[in-house]
Amino acid sequence: MYFMKNTEWELACLPKCEEVTGTPTTAAQQHCYTIFKEEYQDTYAMILKTWKEAKELENMGGTVAQ
């Protein structure tokens, strides 16, 4: 879900030799995820969980503090 909302940002993290034009393939999405996990080894799961919870609250009209 995060990748779909932040596609351009995630694709920018790929090495220049792997630039994607058009619709990203599943392999490109998986590579972005691998890079993300390597960058945030100990906290990647919590980052994604917190992002998802914030989006759910946003859709309900709440705030992160709530």
Protein backbone atom coordinates (compact mmCIF):
# COMPACT_ATOMS: atom_id res chain seq x y z
CA MET A 1 0.00 0.00 0.00
CA TYR A 2 2.86 2.39 0.82
CA PHE A 3 4.51 1.78 -2.54
CA MET A 4 1.34 2.63 -4.44
CA LYS A 5 0.93 5.94 -2.58
CA ASN A 6 4.64 6.86 -2.92
CA THR A 7 5.67 5.26 -6.21
CA GLU A 8 7.84 8.09 -7.52
CA TRP A 9 9.70 8.42 -4.23
CA GLU A 10 10.33 4.68 -4.02
CA LEU A 11 11.48 4.37 -7.63
CA ALA A 12 13.94 7.21 -7.06
CA CYS A 13 15.70 4.95 -4.55
CA LEU A 14 16.58 2.41 -7.23
CA PRO A 15 20.09 2.51 -8.69
CA LYS A 16 20.34 4.59 -11.88
CA CYS A 17 20.92 1.45 -13.95
CA GLU A 18 17.47 0.23 -12.92
CA GLU A 19 15.37 3.24 -13.83
CA VAL A 20 11.74 2.35 -14.49
CA THR A 21 9.68 3.93 -17.23
CA GLY A 22 5.98 3.28 -17.33
CA THR A 23 4.25 1.02 -14.84
CA PRO A 24 6.65 -0.56 -12.32
CA THR A 25 6.89 -4.33 -12.48
CA THR A 26 6.47 -6.56 -9.46
CA ALA A 27 10.22 -7.14 -9.54
CA ALA A 28 10.86 -3.38 -9.32
CA GLN A 29 8.46 -3.12 -6.37
CA GLN A 30 10.19 -6.01 -4.63
CA HIS A 31 13.60 -4.44 -5.20
CA CYS A 32 12.38 -1.16 -3.69
CA TYR A 33 11.12 -3.09 -0.67
CA THR A 34 14.46 -4.87 -0.32
CA ILE A 35 16.32 -1.55 -0.43
CA PHE A 36 13.91 -0.11 2.18
CA LYS A 37 14.46 -3.10 4.49
CA GLU A 38 18.24 -2.79 4.14
CA GLU A 39 18.10 0.94 4.91
CA TYR A 40 15.88 0.53 7.98
CA GLN A 41 16.86 -2.94 9.15
CA ASP A 42 15.57 -2.75 12.69
CA THR A 43 12.60 -0.45 12.23
CA TYR A 44 11.16 -1.02 8.75
CA ALA A 45 8.17 -3.03 10.00
CA MET A 46 7.29 -0.41 12.62
CA ILE A 47 7.66 2.40 10.05
CA LEU A 48 5.22 0.73 7.68
CA LYS A 49 2.80 -0.18 10.47
CA THR A 50 2.79 3.39 11.79
CA TRP A 51 2.28 4.78 8.26
CA LYS A 52 -0.67 2.42 7.71
CA GLU A 53 -2.26 3.35 11.03
CA ALA A 54 -1.86 7.07 10.28
CA LYS A 55 -3.53 6.60 6.88
CA GLU A 56 -6.41 4.70 8.48
CA LEU A 57 -6.92 7.49 11.01
CA GLU A 58 -6.68 10.08 8.26
CA ASN A 59 -9.46 8.33 6.37
CA MET A 60 -11.60 8.32 9.52
CA GLY A 61 -11.09 12.03 10.05
CA GLY A 62 -8.96 11.57 13.16
CA THR A 63 -5.50 12.79 13.99
CA VAL A 64 -2.33 10.85 14.76
CA ALA A 65 -2.55 12.01 18.40
CA GLN A 66 -6.02 10.49 18.70
